[in-house]
């Protein structure tokens, strides 16, 4: 399964990228994934050009295709003025109209104070609901004081479990010629349609001149 992480952190290193990596690792612990991380900082100029020209560059088009083809999405933004960053919003503005329809999304954000934690429910959740994504119940907010403290690891694990549960599962193919015992009755041919069945008329004759060996049953009146 394809898991794509969109990180809107601006600095290197970035607490936004750190949170994104923690969330991705927690999901990967629960289900096998093909992981790709998209750093919006590297696409800032391409996004601006796309907004003014209407044409994405090669790198931006590849990022858009990755998000559209993902089985699950983790999005993480720093908080600016009590909302998501402009770079974060601009990236999703230039996505295709139905790119996120029905797609499981885990929302997360980082900030300097716990007072900005409402950004999850007042900005991020409405945005992705508008884009018709399936937003997992648990969002993850990490303030500066949350790193190394109790509570954040538990929220990460819970959110990762919810995203993994929503991502499509790949079933192992059944071995050829082997039918599970519970499915065997359904696999039997219907009466009258099997290769070994014969239809007998009321006078004991087989249709189309087929020969029948053995005593014929007495007709029921």
N, C-alpha and C. Protein backbone atom coordinates (compact mmCIF):
# COMPACT_ATOMS: atom_id res chain seq x y z
N UNK A 1 0.84 -1.20 0.00
CA UNK A 1 0.00 0.00 0.00
C UNK A 1 0.87 1.25 0.00
N UNK A 2 0.39 2.28 -0.65
CA UNK A 2 1.15 3.52 -0.77
C UNK A 2 0.73 4.52 0.30
N UNK A 3 1.68 4.89 1.13
CA UNK A 3 1.45 5.90 2.16
C UNK A 3 2.27 7.13 1.80
N UNK A 4 1.61 8.28 1.67
CA UNK A 4 2.28 9.53 1.32
C UNK A 4 2.17 10.50 2.49
N UNK A 5 3.29 11.11 2.83
CA UNK A 5 3.36 12.10 3.90
C UNK A 5 3.63 13.47 3.28
N UNK A 6 2.81 14.45 3.63
CA UNK A 6 3.00 15.82 3.16
C UNK A 6 3.39 16.66 4.36
N UNK A 7 4.62 17.18 4.33
CA UNK A 7 5.15 17.98 5.43
C UNK A 7 5.37 19.41 4.96
N UNK A 8 4.83 20.37 5.71
CA UNK A 8 4.95 21.78 5.33
C UNK A 8 5.93 22.53 6.23
N UNK A 9 6.83 21.80 6.87
CA UNK A 9 7.84 22.46 7.69
C UNK A 9 8.77 23.30 6.85
N UNK A 10 9.25 24.42 7.43
CA UNK A 10 10.09 25.36 6.68
C UNK A 10 11.55 25.29 7.05
N UNK A 11 11.87 24.84 8.23
CA UNK A 11 13.25 24.83 8.69
C UNK A 11 13.84 23.44 8.57
N UNK A 12 15.17 23.36 8.71
CA UNK A 12 15.89 22.08 8.70
C UNK A 12 16.88 22.09 9.87
N UNK A 13 16.69 21.22 10.89
CA UNK A 13 15.60 20.25 11.02
C UNK A 13 14.30 20.95 11.39
N UNK A 14 13.21 20.20 11.28
CA UNK A 14 11.88 20.77 11.49
C UNK A 14 11.08 19.88 12.44
N UNK A 15 10.41 20.48 13.41
CA UNK A 15 9.55 19.70 14.30
C UNK A 15 8.35 19.15 13.53
N UNK A 16 7.95 19.85 12.47
CA UNK A 16 6.86 19.36 11.62
C UNK A 16 7.27 18.07 10.93
N UNK A 17 8.49 18.03 10.38
CA UNK A 17 8.98 16.81 9.74
C UNK A 17 9.19 15.71 10.78
N UNK A 18 9.64 16.07 11.97
CA UNK A 18 9.83 15.07 13.02
C UNK A 18 8.51 14.40 13.38
N UNK A 19 7.45 15.18 13.53
CA UNK A 19 6.14 14.62 13.82
C UNK A 19 5.65 13.76 12.66
N UNK A 20 5.88 14.21 11.43
CA UNK A 20 5.48 13.43 10.26
C UNK A 20 6.17 12.08 10.24
N UNK A 21 7.47 12.06 10.56
CA UNK A 21 8.22 10.80 10.57
C UNK A 21 7.72 9.86 11.67
N UNK A 22 7.39 10.41 12.82
CA UNK A 22 6.88 9.58 13.92
C UNK A 22 5.55 8.94 13.53
N UNK A 23 4.69 9.69 12.91
CA UNK A 23 3.39 9.17 12.49
C UNK A 23 3.54 8.10 11.41
N UNK A 24 4.41 8.36 10.44
CA UNK A 24 4.62 7.38 9.36
C UNK A 24 5.19 6.08 9.91
N UNK A 25 6.13 6.17 10.84
CA UNK A 25 6.71 4.96 11.43
C UNK A 25 5.66 4.17 12.20
N UNK A 26 4.76 4.87 12.89
CA UNK A 26 3.71 4.17 13.64
C UNK A 26 2.75 3.45 12.72
N UNK A 27 2.43 4.04 11.57
CA UNK A 27 1.56 3.37 10.60
C UNK A 27 2.28 2.16 10.00
N UNK A 28 3.56 2.33 9.67
CA UNK A 28 4.34 1.24 9.08
C UNK A 28 4.49 0.06 10.04
N UNK A 29 4.42 0.31 11.33
CA UNK A 29 4.48 -0.78 12.31
C UNK A 29 3.23 -1.64 12.27
N UNK A 30 2.16 -1.12 11.69
CA UNK A 30 0.88 -1.82 11.70
C UNK A 30 0.51 -2.46 10.37
N UNK A 31 1.05 -1.94 9.29
CA UNK A 31 0.73 -2.48 7.98
C UNK A 31 1.87 -2.18 7.02
N UNK A 32 2.20 -3.10 6.11
CA UNK A 32 3.29 -2.84 5.16
C UNK A 32 2.92 -1.68 4.23
N UNK A 33 3.82 -0.72 4.08
CA UNK A 33 3.55 0.45 3.23
C UNK A 33 4.75 0.77 2.37
N UNK A 34 4.45 1.37 1.22
CA UNK A 34 5.46 1.97 0.36
C UNK A 34 5.42 3.46 0.64
N UNK A 35 6.41 3.97 1.37
CA UNK A 35 6.36 5.33 1.93
C UNK A 35 7.02 6.35 1.01
N UNK A 36 6.36 7.49 0.86
CA UNK A 36 6.96 8.64 0.18
C UNK A 36 6.67 9.89 0.99
N UNK A 37 7.70 10.70 1.20
CA UNK A 37 7.56 11.96 1.94
C UNK A 37 7.72 13.12 0.96
N UNK A 38 6.78 14.05 1.00
CA UNK A 38 6.81 15.24 0.16
C UNK A 38 7.08 16.45 1.04
N UNK A 39 8.22 17.11 0.83
CA UNK A 39 8.57 18.33 1.55
C UNK A 39 8.11 19.53 0.72
N UNK A 40 7.08 20.22 1.21
CA UNK A 40 6.54 21.35 0.45
C UNK A 40 7.53 22.50 0.35
N UNK A 41 8.45 22.59 1.29
CA UNK A 41 9.47 23.64 1.24
C UNK A 41 10.24 23.59 -0.08
N UNK A 42 10.49 22.38 -0.56
CA UNK A 42 11.23 22.22 -1.81
C UNK A 42 10.39 22.54 -3.05
N UNK A 43 9.07 22.64 -2.86
CA UNK A 43 8.17 22.88 -4.00
C UNK A 43 7.54 24.28 -3.96
N UNK A 44 8.02 25.14 -3.05
CA UNK A 44 7.37 26.43 -2.86
C UNK A 44 7.35 27.27 -4.14
N UNK A 45 8.48 27.33 -4.85
CA UNK A 45 8.53 28.13 -6.08
C UNK A 45 7.63 27.52 -7.15
N UNK A 46 7.66 26.20 -7.29
CA UNK A 46 6.83 25.52 -8.29
C UNK A 46 5.34 25.74 -8.01
N UNK A 47 4.97 25.72 -6.74
CA UNK A 47 3.56 25.96 -6.38
C UNK A 47 3.14 27.38 -6.75
N UNK A 48 4.02 28.35 -6.47
CA UNK A 48 3.71 29.75 -6.82
C UNK A 48 3.57 29.92 -8.32
N UNK A 49 4.45 29.28 -9.09
CA UNK A 49 4.35 29.36 -10.55
C UNK A 49 3.06 28.72 -11.06
N UNK A 50 2.67 27.61 -10.43
CA UNK A 50 1.44 26.93 -10.85
C UNK A 50 0.22 27.80 -10.57
N UNK A 51 0.23 28.52 -9.45
CA UNK A 51 -0.90 29.38 -9.11
C UNK A 51 -1.05 30.53 -10.11
N UNK A 52 0.06 30.98 -10.68
CA UNK A 52 0.00 32.12 -11.60
C UNK A 52 -0.10 31.70 -13.07
N UNK A 53 0.44 30.52 -13.39
CA UNK A 53 0.45 30.09 -14.79
C UNK A 53 -0.56 28.98 -15.09
N UNK A 54 -0.90 28.20 -14.06
CA UNK A 54 -1.82 27.09 -14.28
C UNK A 54 -1.15 25.82 -14.73
N UNK A 55 0.19 25.81 -14.78
CA UNK A 55 0.91 24.63 -15.24
C UNK A 55 1.93 24.21 -14.17
N UNK A 56 1.87 22.94 -13.70
CA UNK A 56 2.84 22.49 -12.70
C UNK A 56 4.16 22.12 -13.36
N UNK A 57 5.23 22.32 -12.62
CA UNK A 57 6.52 21.83 -13.10
C UNK A 57 6.61 20.33 -12.90
N UNK A 58 7.71 19.75 -13.34
CA UNK A 58 7.87 18.29 -13.28
C UNK A 58 7.82 17.77 -11.85
N UNK A 59 8.53 18.42 -10.93
CA UNK A 59 8.58 17.96 -9.54
C UNK A 59 7.21 18.08 -8.87
N UNK A 60 6.52 19.20 -9.11
CA UNK A 60 5.20 19.39 -8.51
C UNK A 60 4.20 18.40 -9.09
N UNK A 61 4.25 18.15 -10.38
CA UNK A 61 3.33 17.18 -11.00
C UNK A 61 3.55 15.79 -10.42
N UNK A 62 4.82 15.42 -10.16
CA UNK A 62 5.11 14.13 -9.56
C UNK A 62 4.54 14.04 -8.15
N UNK A 63 4.62 15.13 -7.39
CA UNK A 63 4.06 15.16 -6.03
C UNK A 63 2.54 15.05 -6.08
N UNK A 64 1.92 15.74 -7.02
CA UNK A 64 0.47 15.66 -7.17
C UNK A 64 0.03 14.24 -7.51
N UNK A 65 0.76 13.60 -8.41
CA UNK A 65 0.43 12.23 -8.79
C UNK A 65 0.58 11.28 -7.60
N UNK A 66 1.60 11.51 -6.79
CA UNK A 66 1.82 10.65 -5.62
C UNK A 66 0.67 10.77 -4.63
N UNK A 67 0.22 11.98 -4.39
CA UNK A 67 -0.90 12.19 -3.46
C UNK A 67 -2.18 11.58 -4.03
N UNK A 68 -2.43 11.78 -5.30
CA UNK A 68 -3.64 11.25 -5.92
C UNK A 68 -3.66 9.73 -5.89
N UNK A 69 -2.50 9.09 -6.06
CA UNK A 69 -2.44 7.63 -6.10
C UNK A 69 -2.22 6.97 -4.76
N UNK A 70 -2.18 7.74 -3.69
CA UNK A 70 -1.90 7.17 -2.36
C UNK A 70 -3.10 6.41 -1.82
N UNK A 71 -2.81 5.37 -1.04
CA UNK A 71 -3.87 4.65 -0.33
C UNK A 71 -4.18 5.30 1.01
N UNK A 72 -3.25 6.07 1.52
CA UNK A 72 -3.43 6.79 2.78
C UNK A 72 -2.53 8.00 2.79
N UNK A 73 -2.93 9.03 3.53
CA UNK A 73 -2.21 10.30 3.52
C UNK A 73 -2.02 10.81 4.95
N UNK A 74 -0.80 11.28 5.24
CA UNK A 74 -0.51 11.98 6.50
C UNK A 74 -0.13 13.41 6.13
N UNK A 75 -0.81 14.39 6.69
CA UNK A 75 -0.53 15.79 6.39
C UNK A 75 -0.17 16.51 7.68
N UNK A 76 0.93 17.24 7.65
CA UNK A 76 1.41 17.93 8.84
C UNK A 76 1.81 19.35 8.48
N UNK A 77 1.32 20.31 9.24
CA UNK A 77 1.63 21.72 8.97
C UNK A 77 2.03 22.42 10.26
N UNK A 78 2.92 23.40 10.17
CA UNK A 78 3.12 24.29 11.32
C UNK A 78 1.95 25.27 11.40
N UNK A 79 1.74 25.81 12.57
CA UNK A 79 0.63 26.75 12.77
C UNK A 79 1.14 28.18 12.56
N UNK A 80 0.43 28.91 11.69
CA UNK A 80 0.71 30.33 11.47
C UNK A 80 -0.60 31.09 11.65
N UNK A 81 -0.60 32.08 12.56
CA UNK A 81 -1.79 32.91 12.79
C UNK A 81 -3.01 32.04 13.07
N UNK A 82 -2.84 31.03 13.93
CA UNK A 82 -3.92 30.15 14.39
C UNK A 82 -4.52 29.30 13.28
N UNK A 83 -3.78 29.07 12.19
CA UNK A 83 -4.29 28.24 11.11
C UNK A 83 -3.12 27.52 10.44
N UNK A 84 -3.43 26.76 9.37
CA UNK A 84 -2.38 26.10 8.61
C UNK A 84 -1.59 27.15 7.83
N UNK A 85 -0.39 26.76 7.40
CA UNK A 85 0.47 27.71 6.68
C UNK A 85 -0.06 27.96 5.28
N UNK A 86 0.32 29.10 4.69
CA UNK A 86 -0.08 29.42 3.34
C UNK A 86 0.48 28.43 2.32
N UNK A 87 1.71 27.97 2.55
CA UNK A 87 2.32 27.00 1.64
C UNK A 87 1.54 25.69 1.66
N UNK A 88 1.13 25.27 2.84
CA UNK A 88 0.34 24.04 2.99
C UNK A 88 -0.97 24.15 2.22
N UNK A 89 -1.68 25.25 2.43
CA UNK A 89 -2.97 25.45 1.76
C UNK A 89 -2.80 25.57 0.25
N UNK A 90 -1.75 26.24 -0.19
CA UNK A 90 -1.54 26.42 -1.63
C UNK A 90 -1.32 25.10 -2.35
N UNK A 91 -0.62 24.17 -1.69
CA UNK A 91 -0.39 22.87 -2.32
C UNK A 91 -1.71 22.15 -2.58
N UNK A 92 -2.59 22.17 -1.61
CA UNK A 92 -3.87 21.48 -1.79
C UNK A 92 -4.82 22.28 -2.70
N UNK A 93 -4.56 23.58 -2.87
CA UNK A 93 -5.34 24.37 -3.83
C UNK A 93 -5.05 23.95 -5.27
N UNK A 94 -3.84 23.48 -5.54
CA UNK A 94 -3.48 23.15 -6.93
C UNK A 94 -3.64 21.66 -7.23
N UNK A 95 -4.19 20.89 -6.29
CA UNK A 95 -4.49 19.49 -6.56
C UNK A 95 -5.75 19.38 -7.43
N UNK A 96 -5.91 18.24 -8.08
CA UNK A 96 -7.13 17.99 -8.84
C UNK A 96 -8.36 18.02 -7.95
N UNK A 97 -9.48 18.31 -8.54
CA UNK A 97 -10.72 18.51 -7.77
C UNK A 97 -11.10 17.29 -6.95
N UNK A 98 -10.93 16.10 -7.50
CA UNK A 98 -11.34 14.88 -6.81
C UNK A 98 -10.15 14.06 -6.31
N UNK A 99 -9.00 14.69 -6.17
CA UNK A 99 -7.78 13.97 -5.82
C UNK A 99 -7.87 13.28 -4.47
N UNK A 100 -8.61 13.87 -3.53
CA UNK A 100 -8.67 13.32 -2.18
C UNK A 100 -10.01 12.68 -1.85
N UNK A 101 -10.90 12.59 -2.81
CA UNK A 101 -12.24 12.04 -2.54
C UNK A 101 -12.14 10.60 -2.05
N UNK A 102 -12.66 10.36 -0.85
CA UNK A 102 -12.68 9.02 -0.27
C UNK A 102 -11.35 8.54 0.26
N UNK A 103 -10.33 9.37 0.28
CA UNK A 103 -8.99 8.95 0.70
C UNK A 103 -8.82 9.14 2.21
N UNK A 104 -8.31 8.12 2.93
CA UNK A 104 -8.06 8.27 4.37
C UNK A 104 -6.92 9.26 4.63
N UNK A 105 -7.16 10.21 5.53
CA UNK A 105 -6.18 11.25 5.82
C UNK A 105 -6.02 11.41 7.33
N UNK A 106 -4.78 11.44 7.77
CA UNK A 106 -4.46 11.73 9.17
C UNK A 106 -3.94 13.16 9.22
N UNK A 107 -4.59 14.01 10.01
CA UNK A 107 -4.19 15.42 10.11
C UNK A 107 -3.34 15.64 11.35
N UNK A 108 -2.32 16.51 11.22
CA UNK A 108 -1.44 16.80 12.35
C UNK A 108 -0.87 18.20 12.19
N UNK A 109 -0.43 18.78 13.31
CA UNK A 109 0.11 20.14 13.27
C UNK A 109 1.10 20.32 14.42
N UNK A 110 1.98 21.29 14.26
CA UNK A 110 2.94 21.64 15.30
C UNK A 110 2.84 23.13 15.57
N UNK A 111 3.17 23.52 16.81
CA UNK A 111 3.12 24.93 17.19
C UNK A 111 3.92 25.19 18.45
N UNK A 112 4.05 26.44 18.78
CA UNK A 112 4.85 26.81 19.94
C UNK A 112 4.13 26.71 21.25
N UNK A 113 2.81 26.64 21.22
CA UNK A 113 2.02 26.59 22.45
C UNK A 113 0.80 25.70 22.28
N UNK A 114 0.35 25.11 23.36
CA UNK A 114 -0.81 24.23 23.32
C UNK A 114 -2.09 24.98 22.98
N UNK A 115 -2.09 26.29 23.09
CA UNK A 115 -3.30 27.07 22.80
C UNK A 115 -3.72 26.98 21.34
N UNK A 116 -2.79 26.58 20.48
CA UNK A 116 -3.11 26.48 19.05
C UNK A 116 -3.62 25.10 18.65
N UNK A 117 -3.86 24.22 19.61
CA UNK A 117 -4.27 22.85 19.28
C UNK A 117 -5.63 22.81 18.57
N UNK A 118 -6.43 23.86 18.74
CA UNK A 118 -7.75 23.88 18.08
C UNK A 118 -7.65 23.98 16.57
N UNK A 119 -6.43 24.23 16.06
CA UNK A 119 -6.26 24.29 14.62
C UNK A 119 -6.69 23.00 13.94
N UNK A 120 -6.59 21.88 14.65
CA UNK A 120 -6.98 20.60 14.07
C UNK A 120 -8.45 20.57 13.70
N UNK A 121 -9.30 21.01 14.63
CA UNK A 121 -10.75 20.91 14.41
C UNK A 121 -11.35 22.16 13.79
N UNK A 122 -10.65 23.29 13.86
CA UNK A 122 -11.22 24.53 13.33
C UNK A 122 -10.65 24.92 11.97
N UNK A 123 -9.58 24.26 11.53
CA UNK A 123 -8.98 24.59 10.24
C UNK A 123 -8.71 23.35 9.40
N UNK A 124 -7.94 22.41 9.92
CA UNK A 124 -7.55 21.25 9.12
C UNK A 124 -8.72 20.32 8.82
N UNK A 125 -9.50 19.98 9.82
CA UNK A 125 -10.60 19.04 9.60
C UNK A 125 -11.64 19.61 8.62
N UNK A 126 -12.06 20.87 8.75
CA UNK A 126 -13.00 21.41 7.74
C UNK A 126 -12.40 21.44 6.34
N UNK A 127 -11.11 21.72 6.21
CA UNK A 127 -10.48 21.77 4.89
C UNK A 127 -10.56 20.42 4.19
N UNK A 128 -10.18 19.35 4.90
CA UNK A 128 -10.16 18.04 4.25
C UNK A 128 -11.55 17.42 4.15
N UNK A 129 -12.46 17.84 4.98
CA UNK A 129 -13.85 17.43 4.79
C UNK A 129 -14.41 18.07 3.52
N UNK A 130 -14.05 19.32 3.26
CA UNK A 130 -14.47 19.99 2.04
C UNK A 130 -13.90 19.29 0.81
N UNK A 131 -12.68 18.76 0.94
CA UNK A 131 -12.05 18.04 -0.17
C UNK A 131 -12.54 16.61 -0.27
N UNK A 132 -13.51 16.24 0.56
CA UNK A 132 -14.17 14.94 0.57
C UNK A 132 -13.23 13.79 0.93
N UNK A 133 -12.22 14.11 1.72
CA UNK A 133 -11.35 13.06 2.25
C UNK A 133 -12.02 12.43 3.47
N UNK A 134 -11.55 11.24 3.85
CA UNK A 134 -12.03 10.57 5.06
C UNK A 134 -11.01 10.85 6.16
N UNK A 135 -11.31 11.79 7.04
CA UNK A 135 -10.37 12.22 8.07
C UNK A 135 -10.50 11.31 9.29
N UNK A 136 -9.37 10.77 9.76
CA UNK A 136 -9.42 9.86 10.91
C UNK A 136 -9.85 10.65 12.15
N UNK A 137 -10.51 10.00 13.11
CA UNK A 137 -11.04 10.72 14.27
C UNK A 137 -9.98 11.44 15.10
N UNK A 138 -8.81 10.84 15.25
CA UNK A 138 -7.77 11.42 16.10
C UNK A 138 -6.80 12.25 15.28
N UNK A 139 -6.75 13.54 15.57
CA UNK A 139 -5.73 14.41 15.01
C UNK A 139 -4.61 14.56 16.03
N UNK A 140 -3.43 14.90 15.59
CA UNK A 140 -2.27 14.99 16.48
C UNK A 140 -1.68 16.39 16.42
N UNK A 141 -1.65 17.04 17.58
CA UNK A 141 -1.01 18.35 17.69
C UNK A 141 0.16 18.23 18.65
N UNK A 142 1.29 18.79 18.26
CA UNK A 142 2.49 18.75 19.11
C UNK A 142 2.99 20.16 19.35
N UNK A 143 2.88 20.62 20.59
CA UNK A 143 3.46 21.89 20.98
C UNK A 143 4.91 21.66 21.40
N UNK A 144 5.64 22.73 21.59
CA UNK A 144 7.06 22.60 21.94
C UNK A 144 7.25 21.79 23.21
N UNK A 145 6.37 21.96 24.19
CA UNK A 145 6.52 21.26 25.46
C UNK A 145 6.06 19.80 25.42
N UNK A 146 5.45 19.39 24.30
CA UNK A 146 4.96 18.01 24.20
C UNK A 146 6.06 17.00 23.88
N UNK A 147 7.14 17.46 23.29
CA UNK A 147 8.21 16.53 22.92
C UNK A 147 8.90 16.01 24.17
N UNK A 148 8.88 14.69 24.33
CA UNK A 148 9.47 14.06 25.50
C UNK A 148 8.53 13.96 26.68
N UNK A 149 7.31 14.50 26.53
CA UNK A 149 6.33 14.46 27.62
C UNK A 149 5.32 13.35 27.37
N UNK A 150 4.56 13.00 28.41
CA UNK A 150 3.52 11.99 28.27
C UNK A 150 2.36 12.54 27.43
N UNK A 151 1.71 11.63 26.74
CA UNK A 151 0.52 11.99 25.97
C UNK A 151 0.74 11.98 24.48
N UNK A 152 1.82 12.60 24.00
CA UNK A 152 2.06 12.65 22.55
C UNK A 152 2.28 11.27 21.95
N UNK A 153 3.12 10.40 22.53
CA UNK A 153 3.28 9.07 21.93
C UNK A 153 1.97 8.30 21.84
N UNK A 154 1.11 8.44 22.85
CA UNK A 154 -0.17 7.73 22.84
C UNK A 154 -1.07 8.26 21.73
N UNK A 155 -1.08 9.57 21.51
CA UNK A 155 -1.91 10.15 20.44
C UNK A 155 -1.39 9.70 19.08
N UNK A 156 -0.08 9.64 18.94
CA UNK A 156 0.50 9.19 17.68
C UNK A 156 0.09 7.75 17.38
N UNK A 157 0.18 6.89 18.39
CA UNK A 157 -0.17 5.49 18.19
C UNK A 157 -1.65 5.31 17.86
N UNK A 158 -2.50 6.06 18.55
CA UNK A 158 -3.93 5.93 18.30
C UNK A 158 -4.30 6.41 16.90
N UNK A 159 -3.75 7.55 16.49
CA UNK A 159 -4.04 8.07 15.16
C UNK A 159 -3.51 7.13 14.07
N UNK A 160 -2.33 6.57 14.28
CA UNK A 160 -1.76 5.64 13.31
C UNK A 160 -2.61 4.39 13.17
N UNK A 161 -3.13 3.90 14.28
CA UNK A 161 -4.00 2.73 14.24
C UNK A 161 -5.26 3.01 13.44
N UNK A 162 -5.83 4.20 13.62
CA UNK A 162 -7.05 4.56 12.90
C UNK A 162 -6.79 4.69 11.40
N UNK A 163 -5.65 5.26 11.02
CA UNK A 163 -5.34 5.39 9.60
C UNK A 163 -5.08 4.02 8.97
N UNK A 164 -4.32 3.17 9.67
CA UNK A 164 -4.03 1.84 9.14
C UNK A 164 -5.31 1.03 8.95
N UNK A 165 -6.28 1.22 9.85
CA UNK A 165 -7.54 0.48 9.74
C UNK A 165 -8.36 0.93 8.54
N UNK A 166 -8.20 2.18 8.11
CA UNK A 166 -8.97 2.70 6.98
C UNK A 166 -8.32 2.44 5.63
N UNK A 167 -7.02 2.18 5.63
CA UNK A 167 -6.34 1.93 4.37
C UNK A 167 -6.74 0.57 3.83
N UNK A 168 -6.88 0.44 2.50
CA UNK A 168 -7.32 -0.83 1.91
C UNK A 168 -6.33 -1.94 2.19
N UNK A 169 -6.87 -3.13 2.46
CA UNK A 169 -6.03 -4.29 2.74
C UNK A 169 -5.85 -5.11 1.47
N UNK A 170 -4.67 -5.68 1.30
CA UNK A 170 -4.39 -6.55 0.17
C UNK A 170 -4.49 -7.99 0.64
N UNK A 171 -5.45 -8.75 0.09
CA UNK A 171 -5.63 -10.14 0.49
C UNK A 171 -4.68 -11.05 -0.26
N UNK A 172 -4.19 -12.08 0.43
CA UNK A 172 -3.34 -13.06 -0.21
C UNK A 172 -4.16 -13.93 -1.16
N UNK A 173 -3.66 -14.18 -2.38
CA UNK A 173 -4.43 -15.02 -3.31
C UNK A 173 -4.53 -16.44 -2.80
N UNK A 174 -5.66 -17.10 -3.07
CA UNK A 174 -5.85 -18.49 -2.66
C UNK A 174 -5.04 -19.42 -3.56
N UNK A 175 -4.60 -20.52 -2.99
CA UNK A 175 -3.86 -21.50 -3.77
C UNK A 175 -4.78 -22.14 -4.79
N UNK A 176 -4.28 -22.35 -5.99
CA UNK A 176 -5.08 -22.92 -7.06
C UNK A 176 -5.54 -24.32 -6.69
N UNK A 177 -6.81 -24.60 -6.91
CA UNK A 177 -7.34 -25.94 -6.67
C UNK A 177 -7.70 -26.24 -5.24
N UNK A 178 -7.45 -25.31 -4.32
CA UNK A 178 -7.76 -25.54 -2.92
C UNK A 178 -8.94 -24.67 -2.52
N UNK A 179 -10.03 -25.28 -2.09
CA UNK A 179 -11.22 -24.54 -1.66
C UNK A 179 -11.35 -24.72 -0.15
N UNK A 180 -11.37 -23.61 0.63
CA UNK A 180 -11.54 -23.74 2.08
C UNK A 180 -12.78 -24.54 2.42
N UNK A 181 -12.72 -25.30 3.53
CA UNK A 181 -13.81 -26.19 3.91
C UNK A 181 -15.13 -25.43 4.03
N UNK A 182 -15.09 -24.24 4.64
CA UNK A 182 -16.33 -23.48 4.85
C UNK A 182 -16.97 -23.05 3.54
N UNK A 183 -16.18 -22.98 2.44
CA UNK A 183 -16.72 -22.53 1.16
C UNK A 183 -17.09 -23.69 0.24
N UNK A 184 -16.83 -24.92 0.66
CA UNK A 184 -17.06 -26.05 -0.22
C UNK A 184 -18.53 -26.25 -0.59
N UNK A 185 -19.50 -26.10 0.35
CA UNK A 185 -20.90 -26.27 -0.07
C UNK A 185 -21.31 -25.31 -1.18
N UNK A 186 -20.82 -24.06 -1.11
CA UNK A 186 -21.18 -23.09 -2.13
C UNK A 186 -20.53 -23.40 -3.47
N UNK A 187 -19.45 -24.16 -3.44
CA UNK A 187 -18.73 -24.48 -4.69
C UNK A 187 -19.31 -25.69 -5.40
N UNK A 188 -20.21 -26.43 -4.74
CA UNK A 188 -20.80 -27.60 -5.37
C UNK A 188 -21.74 -27.20 -6.49
N UNK A 189 -21.83 -27.98 -7.58
CA UNK A 189 -22.76 -27.63 -8.69
C UNK A 189 -24.20 -27.75 -8.24
N UNK A 190 -25.03 -26.88 -8.78
CA UNK A 190 -26.45 -26.90 -8.45
C UNK A 190 -27.08 -28.17 -9.02
N UNK A 191 -28.11 -28.71 -8.35
CA UNK A 191 -28.78 -29.92 -8.84
C UNK A 191 -29.30 -29.73 -10.26
N UNK A 192 -29.03 -30.70 -11.12
CA UNK A 192 -29.50 -30.63 -12.50
C UNK A 192 -28.54 -29.95 -13.44
N UNK A 193 -27.46 -29.32 -12.87
CA UNK A 193 -26.52 -28.60 -13.73
C UNK A 193 -25.15 -29.24 -13.77
N UNK A 194 -24.92 -30.26 -12.94
CA UNK A 194 -23.61 -30.88 -12.89
C UNK A 194 -23.40 -31.83 -14.04
N UNK A 195 -22.12 -32.16 -14.29
CA UNK A 195 -21.79 -33.00 -15.41
C UNK A 195 -22.27 -34.43 -15.21
N UNK A 196 -22.39 -34.88 -13.92
CA UNK A 196 -22.77 -36.27 -13.68
C UNK A 196 -24.25 -36.48 -13.48
N UNK A 197 -25.07 -35.43 -13.58
CA UNK A 197 -26.51 -35.55 -13.34
C UNK A 197 -27.23 -35.96 -14.62
N UNK A 198 -28.26 -36.77 -14.50
CA UNK A 198 -29.10 -37.16 -15.63
C UNK A 198 -30.55 -36.81 -15.31
N UNK A 199 -31.28 -36.33 -16.31
CA UNK A 199 -32.69 -35.99 -16.14
C UNK A 199 -33.52 -37.14 -16.69
N UNK A 200 -34.47 -37.60 -15.90
CA UNK A 200 -35.30 -38.74 -16.28
C UNK A 200 -36.74 -38.28 -16.38
N UNK A 201 -37.39 -38.59 -17.48
CA UNK A 201 -38.78 -38.20 -17.65
C UNK A 201 -39.67 -39.14 -16.86
N UNK A 202 -40.97 -38.85 -16.83
CA UNK A 202 -41.91 -39.63 -16.02
C UNK A 202 -42.04 -41.07 -16.54
N UNK A 203 -41.70 -41.28 -17.80
CA UNK A 203 -41.82 -42.63 -18.33
C UNK A 203 -40.53 -43.42 -18.27
N UNK A 204 -39.53 -42.83 -17.59
CA UNK A 204 -38.27 -43.54 -17.40
C UNK A 204 -37.30 -43.36 -18.51
N UNK A 205 -37.61 -42.57 -19.55
CA UNK A 205 -36.70 -42.38 -20.67
C UNK A 205 -35.79 -41.19 -20.42
N UNK A 206 -34.56 -41.33 -20.87
CA UNK A 206 -33.62 -40.22 -20.75
C UNK A 206 -33.75 -39.34 -21.99
N UNK A 207 -33.66 -38.01 -21.86
CA UNK A 207 -33.78 -37.13 -23.02
C UNK A 207 -32.62 -37.30 -23.97
N UNK A 208 -32.88 -36.99 -25.25
CA UNK A 208 -31.86 -37.03 -26.30
C UNK A 208 -31.25 -38.41 -26.47
N UNK A 209 -31.98 -39.45 -26.11
CA UNK A 209 -31.52 -40.80 -26.35
C UNK A 209 -30.38 -41.26 -25.48
N UNK A 210 -30.11 -40.56 -24.35
CA UNK A 210 -29.02 -40.96 -23.48
C UNK A 210 -29.37 -42.29 -22.83
N UNK A 211 -28.41 -43.19 -22.82
CA UNK A 211 -28.63 -44.49 -22.18
C UNK A 211 -28.41 -44.40 -20.69
N UNK A 212 -29.21 -45.11 -19.92
CA UNK A 212 -29.10 -45.13 -18.46
C UNK A 212 -28.98 -46.58 -18.03
N UNK A 213 -27.96 -46.90 -17.30
CA UNK A 213 -27.75 -48.26 -16.83
C UNK A 213 -28.37 -48.40 -15.45
N UNK A 214 -28.74 -49.63 -15.12
CA UNK A 214 -29.32 -49.91 -13.80
C UNK A 214 -30.82 -49.79 -13.83
N UNK A 215 -31.47 -50.24 -12.77
CA UNK A 215 -32.95 -50.22 -12.71
C UNK A 215 -33.44 -48.78 -12.66
N UNK A 216 -34.54 -48.54 -13.35
CA UNK A 216 -35.13 -47.22 -13.34
C UNK A 216 -36.03 -47.06 -12.12
N UNK A 217 -36.11 -45.85 -11.56
CA UNK A 217 -37.00 -45.65 -10.42
C UNK A 217 -38.45 -45.74 -10.85
N UNK A 218 -39.31 -46.22 -9.94
CA UNK A 218 -40.76 -46.29 -10.22
C UNK A 218 -41.32 -44.90 -10.28
N UNK A 219 -42.05 -44.51 -11.30
CA UNK A 219 -42.58 -43.14 -11.39
C UNK A 219 -43.53 -42.85 -10.23
N UNK A 220 -43.44 -41.64 -9.75
CA UNK A 220 -44.29 -41.20 -8.63
C UNK A 220 -45.56 -40.61 -9.20
N UNK A 221 -46.70 -41.13 -8.71
CA UNK A 221 -48.00 -40.62 -9.19
C UNK A 221 -48.56 -39.61 -8.22
